[in-house]
N, C-alpha and C. Protein backbone atom coordinates (compact mmCIF):
# COMPACT_ATOMS: atom_id res chain seq x y z
N LEU A 1 103.78 28.52 76.25
CA LEU A 1 103.28 27.18 76.13
C LEU A 1 103.60 26.56 74.76
N PRO A 2 103.40 27.29 73.65
CA PRO A 2 103.74 26.68 72.36
C PRO A 2 105.23 26.36 72.23
N ILE A 3 106.08 27.18 72.82
CA ILE A 3 107.52 26.92 72.74
C ILE A 3 107.86 25.65 73.50
N LEU A 4 107.30 25.50 74.70
CA LEU A 4 107.55 24.29 75.48
C LEU A 4 107.03 23.06 74.75
N GLY A 5 105.87 23.18 74.12
CA GLY A 5 105.33 22.07 73.34
C GLY A 5 106.25 21.69 72.19
N GLY A 6 106.76 22.71 71.50
CA GLY A 6 107.68 22.45 70.39
C GLY A 6 108.97 21.78 70.86
N LEU A 7 109.50 22.25 71.99
CA LEU A 7 110.70 21.63 72.53
C LEU A 7 110.46 20.18 72.94
N ALA A 8 109.30 19.93 73.55
CA ALA A 8 108.97 18.56 73.96
C ALA A 8 108.83 17.66 72.73
N LEU A 9 108.15 18.14 71.69
CA LEU A 9 108.01 17.35 70.48
C LEU A 9 109.36 17.05 69.85
N LYS A 10 110.23 18.04 69.83
CA LYS A 10 111.55 17.85 69.23
C LYS A 10 112.38 16.85 70.02
N LYS A 11 112.21 16.84 71.33
CA LYS A 11 112.98 15.91 72.17
C LYS A 11 112.45 14.49 72.04
N TRP A 12 111.12 14.31 72.11
CA TRP A 12 110.56 12.97 72.16
C TRP A 12 110.17 12.39 70.81
N PHE A 13 109.98 13.25 69.82
CA PHE A 13 109.59 12.77 68.49
C PHE A 13 110.43 13.45 67.40
N PRO A 14 111.76 13.32 67.46
CA PRO A 14 112.61 14.07 66.52
C PRO A 14 112.38 13.70 65.05
N ASP A 15 112.06 12.44 64.77
CA ASP A 15 111.84 12.05 63.37
C ASP A 15 110.59 12.70 62.80
N ALA A 16 109.54 12.75 63.59
CA ALA A 16 108.31 13.40 63.14
C ALA A 16 108.54 14.90 62.93
N VAL A 17 109.31 15.51 63.82
CA VAL A 17 109.60 16.95 63.69
C VAL A 17 110.37 17.22 62.40
N LYS A 18 111.33 16.37 62.08
CA LYS A 18 112.12 16.56 60.85
C LYS A 18 111.24 16.49 59.61
N LYS A 19 110.19 15.67 59.67
CA LYS A 19 109.31 15.52 58.50
C LYS A 19 108.42 16.74 58.29
N VAL A 20 107.93 17.34 59.38
CA VAL A 20 107.00 18.46 59.24
C VAL A 20 107.69 19.82 59.25
N LEU A 21 108.94 19.87 59.66
CA LEU A 21 109.66 21.14 59.77
C LEU A 21 109.67 21.98 58.50
N PRO A 22 109.84 21.37 57.32
CA PRO A 22 109.86 22.20 56.10
C PRO A 22 108.56 22.96 55.82
N ILE A 23 107.42 22.45 56.27
CA ILE A 23 106.16 23.13 55.97
C ILE A 23 105.69 24.05 57.10
N CYS A 24 106.38 24.03 58.22
CA CYS A 24 105.94 24.83 59.37
C CYS A 24 105.87 26.34 59.08
N PRO A 25 106.86 26.94 58.42
CA PRO A 25 106.75 28.38 58.13
C PRO A 25 105.52 28.71 57.29
N LEU A 26 105.24 27.89 56.30
CA LEU A 26 104.06 28.13 55.45
C LEU A 26 102.78 28.02 56.26
N VAL A 27 102.70 27.02 57.11
CA VAL A 27 101.51 26.85 57.96
C VAL A 27 101.35 28.05 58.89
N ALA A 28 102.46 28.54 59.44
CA ALA A 28 102.40 29.69 60.34
C ALA A 28 101.89 30.94 59.62
N VAL A 29 102.40 31.18 58.44
CA VAL A 29 101.98 32.36 57.67
C VAL A 29 100.51 32.26 57.29
N ILE A 30 100.08 31.09 56.84
CA ILE A 30 98.68 30.91 56.48
C ILE A 30 97.77 31.10 57.69
N THR A 31 98.19 30.57 58.83
CA THR A 31 97.40 30.70 60.05
C THR A 31 97.24 32.15 60.46
N VAL A 32 98.34 32.90 60.47
CA VAL A 32 98.27 34.32 60.83
C VAL A 32 97.40 35.08 59.83
N ALA A 33 97.54 34.78 58.56
CA ALA A 33 96.74 35.45 57.53
C ALA A 33 95.24 35.15 57.72
N LEU A 34 94.91 33.92 58.05
CA LEU A 34 93.50 33.57 58.28
C LEU A 34 92.94 34.25 59.52
N ILE A 35 93.73 34.30 60.57
CA ILE A 35 93.28 34.97 61.79
C ILE A 35 93.05 36.46 61.52
N CYS A 36 94.02 37.10 60.88
CA CYS A 36 93.88 38.52 60.57
C CYS A 36 92.70 38.77 59.64
N SER A 37 92.54 37.92 58.64
CA SER A 37 91.43 38.07 57.70
C SER A 37 90.09 37.94 58.40
N SER A 38 89.99 36.99 59.30
CA SER A 38 88.74 36.79 60.04
C SER A 38 88.38 38.01 60.87
N ILE A 39 89.36 38.54 61.58
CA ILE A 39 89.10 39.69 62.44
C ILE A 39 88.80 40.93 61.61
N ILE A 40 89.57 41.12 60.55
CA ILE A 40 89.33 42.28 59.69
C ILE A 40 87.96 42.17 59.01
N GLY A 41 87.61 40.97 58.56
CA GLY A 41 86.31 40.77 57.93
C GLY A 41 85.16 41.06 58.86
N SER A 42 85.29 40.66 60.11
CA SER A 42 84.20 40.88 61.06
C SER A 42 84.12 42.33 61.51
N SER A 43 85.18 43.10 61.28
CA SER A 43 85.19 44.51 61.68
C SER A 43 85.31 45.44 60.48
N SER A 44 84.93 44.96 59.32
CA SER A 44 85.15 45.73 58.10
C SER A 44 84.45 47.08 58.11
N ALA A 45 83.28 47.16 58.70
CA ALA A 45 82.58 48.44 58.72
C ALA A 45 83.34 49.48 59.55
N ALA A 46 83.82 49.06 60.70
CA ALA A 46 84.58 49.98 61.56
C ALA A 46 85.89 50.38 60.90
N ILE A 47 86.53 49.43 60.25
CA ILE A 47 87.80 49.72 59.57
C ILE A 47 87.58 50.67 58.40
N ALA A 48 86.53 50.42 57.63
CA ALA A 48 86.22 51.29 56.49
C ALA A 48 85.88 52.70 56.93
N SER A 49 85.20 52.82 58.06
CA SER A 49 84.84 54.16 58.53
C SER A 49 86.05 54.92 59.07
N ALA A 50 87.08 54.20 59.49
CA ALA A 50 88.29 54.86 60.00
C ALA A 50 89.09 55.48 58.85
N GLY A 51 88.96 54.91 57.66
CA GLY A 51 89.56 55.50 56.48
C GLY A 51 91.06 55.35 56.35
N GLY A 52 91.62 56.29 55.60
CA GLY A 52 93.02 56.26 55.24
C GLY A 52 93.98 56.38 56.41
N ALA A 53 93.57 57.07 57.45
CA ALA A 53 94.47 57.25 58.60
C ALA A 53 94.80 55.90 59.23
N LEU A 54 93.81 55.04 59.32
CA LEU A 54 94.05 53.71 59.90
C LEU A 54 94.96 52.88 59.00
N ILE A 55 94.71 52.92 57.72
CA ILE A 55 95.55 52.17 56.77
C ILE A 55 96.98 52.69 56.82
N ALA A 56 97.16 53.99 56.88
CA ALA A 56 98.50 54.57 56.97
C ALA A 56 99.19 54.16 58.27
N ALA A 57 98.45 54.14 59.37
CA ALA A 57 99.04 53.75 60.66
C ALA A 57 99.48 52.29 60.64
N VAL A 58 98.65 51.42 60.11
CA VAL A 58 99.00 49.99 60.06
C VAL A 58 100.17 49.77 59.10
N ALA A 59 100.17 50.44 57.96
CA ALA A 59 101.29 50.30 57.02
C ALA A 59 102.59 50.80 57.64
N THR A 60 102.52 51.91 58.37
CA THR A 60 103.71 52.43 59.05
C THR A 60 104.18 51.46 60.11
N LEU A 61 103.27 50.89 60.86
CA LEU A 61 103.62 49.91 61.89
C LEU A 61 104.35 48.72 61.27
N HIS A 62 103.83 48.20 60.18
CA HIS A 62 104.47 47.07 59.50
C HIS A 62 105.85 47.44 58.96
N THR A 63 105.92 48.55 58.28
CA THR A 63 107.19 48.97 57.68
C THR A 63 108.26 49.16 58.75
N CYS A 64 107.90 49.84 59.82
CA CYS A 64 108.86 50.05 60.91
C CYS A 64 109.25 48.73 61.57
N GLY A 65 108.29 47.83 61.74
CA GLY A 65 108.58 46.54 62.35
C GLY A 65 109.56 45.72 61.52
N PHE A 66 109.31 45.64 60.22
CA PHE A 66 110.22 44.90 59.35
C PHE A 66 111.61 45.55 59.35
N ALA A 67 111.65 46.87 59.22
CA ALA A 67 112.93 47.58 59.17
C ALA A 67 113.69 47.49 60.49
N LEU A 68 113.00 47.68 61.61
CA LEU A 68 113.67 47.61 62.90
C LEU A 68 114.14 46.19 63.22
N GLY A 69 113.36 45.20 62.84
CA GLY A 69 113.79 43.81 63.03
C GLY A 69 115.05 43.52 62.25
N TYR A 70 115.08 43.94 61.01
CA TYR A 70 116.26 43.72 60.17
C TYR A 70 117.45 44.51 60.71
N GLY A 71 117.20 45.78 61.07
CA GLY A 71 118.28 46.63 61.57
C GLY A 71 118.86 46.14 62.89
N ALA A 72 118.01 45.69 63.79
CA ALA A 72 118.50 45.18 65.08
C ALA A 72 119.33 43.92 64.88
N ALA A 73 118.86 43.03 64.03
CA ALA A 73 119.62 41.81 63.76
C ALA A 73 120.96 42.14 63.10
N SER A 74 120.95 43.13 62.25
CA SER A 74 122.19 43.57 61.60
C SER A 74 123.15 44.17 62.62
N ALA A 75 122.62 45.00 63.52
CA ALA A 75 123.45 45.64 64.54
C ALA A 75 124.11 44.62 65.46
N PHE A 76 123.44 43.49 65.68
CA PHE A 76 124.01 42.45 66.53
C PHE A 76 124.88 41.47 65.75
N GLY A 77 125.09 41.74 64.47
CA GLY A 77 126.02 40.94 63.67
C GLY A 77 125.47 39.62 63.16
N PHE A 78 124.15 39.48 63.09
CA PHE A 78 123.58 38.25 62.56
C PHE A 78 123.84 38.14 61.07
N PRO A 79 124.00 36.93 60.55
CA PRO A 79 124.16 36.76 59.10
C PRO A 79 122.86 37.10 58.37
N GLU A 80 122.96 37.31 57.07
CA GLU A 80 121.83 37.75 56.25
C GLU A 80 120.57 36.89 56.40
N PRO A 81 120.66 35.56 56.33
CA PRO A 81 119.42 34.78 56.47
C PRO A 81 118.74 35.00 57.83
N ASP A 82 119.52 35.16 58.88
CA ASP A 82 118.95 35.41 60.20
C ASP A 82 118.34 36.81 60.28
N ARG A 83 118.94 37.77 59.61
CA ARG A 83 118.38 39.13 59.59
C ARG A 83 116.98 39.12 58.97
N ARG A 84 116.87 38.40 57.86
CA ARG A 84 115.57 38.31 57.19
C ARG A 84 114.55 37.59 58.07
N THR A 85 115.01 36.55 58.75
CA THR A 85 114.11 35.80 59.63
C THR A 85 113.59 36.68 60.76
N VAL A 86 114.48 37.44 61.39
CA VAL A 86 114.06 38.33 62.48
C VAL A 86 113.11 39.39 61.94
N SER A 87 113.42 39.93 60.78
CA SER A 87 112.55 40.94 60.18
C SER A 87 111.16 40.40 59.94
N ILE A 88 111.06 39.20 59.39
CA ILE A 88 109.76 38.60 59.10
C ILE A 88 109.02 38.30 60.40
N GLU A 89 109.73 37.80 61.40
CA GLU A 89 109.09 37.49 62.68
C GLU A 89 108.51 38.74 63.33
N VAL A 90 109.27 39.82 63.35
CA VAL A 90 108.77 41.07 63.93
C VAL A 90 107.59 41.58 63.12
N GLY A 91 107.69 41.51 61.80
CA GLY A 91 106.59 41.96 60.95
C GLY A 91 105.33 41.14 61.15
N MET A 92 105.47 39.83 61.31
CA MET A 92 104.30 38.98 61.54
C MET A 92 103.65 39.28 62.88
N GLN A 93 104.46 39.53 63.90
CA GLN A 93 103.90 39.90 65.19
C GLN A 93 103.16 41.23 65.09
N ASN A 94 103.67 42.12 64.26
CA ASN A 94 103.00 43.40 64.06
C ASN A 94 101.69 43.23 63.30
N SER A 95 101.53 42.15 62.57
CA SER A 95 100.25 41.89 61.91
C SER A 95 99.16 41.72 62.95
N ALA A 96 99.46 40.94 63.97
CA ALA A 96 98.49 40.73 65.04
C ALA A 96 98.23 42.04 65.78
N LEU A 97 99.27 42.80 66.06
CA LEU A 97 99.09 44.09 66.72
C LEU A 97 98.27 45.03 65.86
N GLY A 98 98.53 45.04 64.55
CA GLY A 98 97.77 45.88 63.65
C GLY A 98 96.28 45.54 63.66
N VAL A 99 95.97 44.26 63.73
CA VAL A 99 94.57 43.84 63.79
C VAL A 99 93.93 44.33 65.08
N VAL A 100 94.65 44.20 66.18
CA VAL A 100 94.11 44.66 67.46
C VAL A 100 93.87 46.16 67.41
N LEU A 101 94.82 46.91 66.88
CA LEU A 101 94.66 48.36 66.78
C LEU A 101 93.50 48.73 65.85
N ALA A 102 93.37 47.99 64.77
CA ALA A 102 92.31 48.28 63.80
C ALA A 102 90.92 48.05 64.38
N THR A 103 90.82 47.13 65.29
CA THR A 103 89.50 46.81 65.84
C THR A 103 89.25 47.48 67.17
N ALA A 104 90.20 48.25 67.66
CA ALA A 104 90.03 48.92 68.97
C ALA A 104 89.15 50.14 68.86
């Protein structure tokens, strides 16, 4: 649904999209950070009781996600800026997965 909405906005309101496009990545990162912070904050006792094993698992998940995203983009011959973009996208998706795992 968000992708279809973005495509519709780009088709029917291209000038508005051009104006907000530069700040969209920052807004996305802040939004994901706020969502993760909220969930982690509300589950802090459970997360603290899980200890170092949970932190190590989430750190490993992130590291592997960033590395595999970059490596897959590299294997498919994407240029450097695209490799970094894919790496960040996979890592950001793993942030949400890490939160779900942390609160499970």
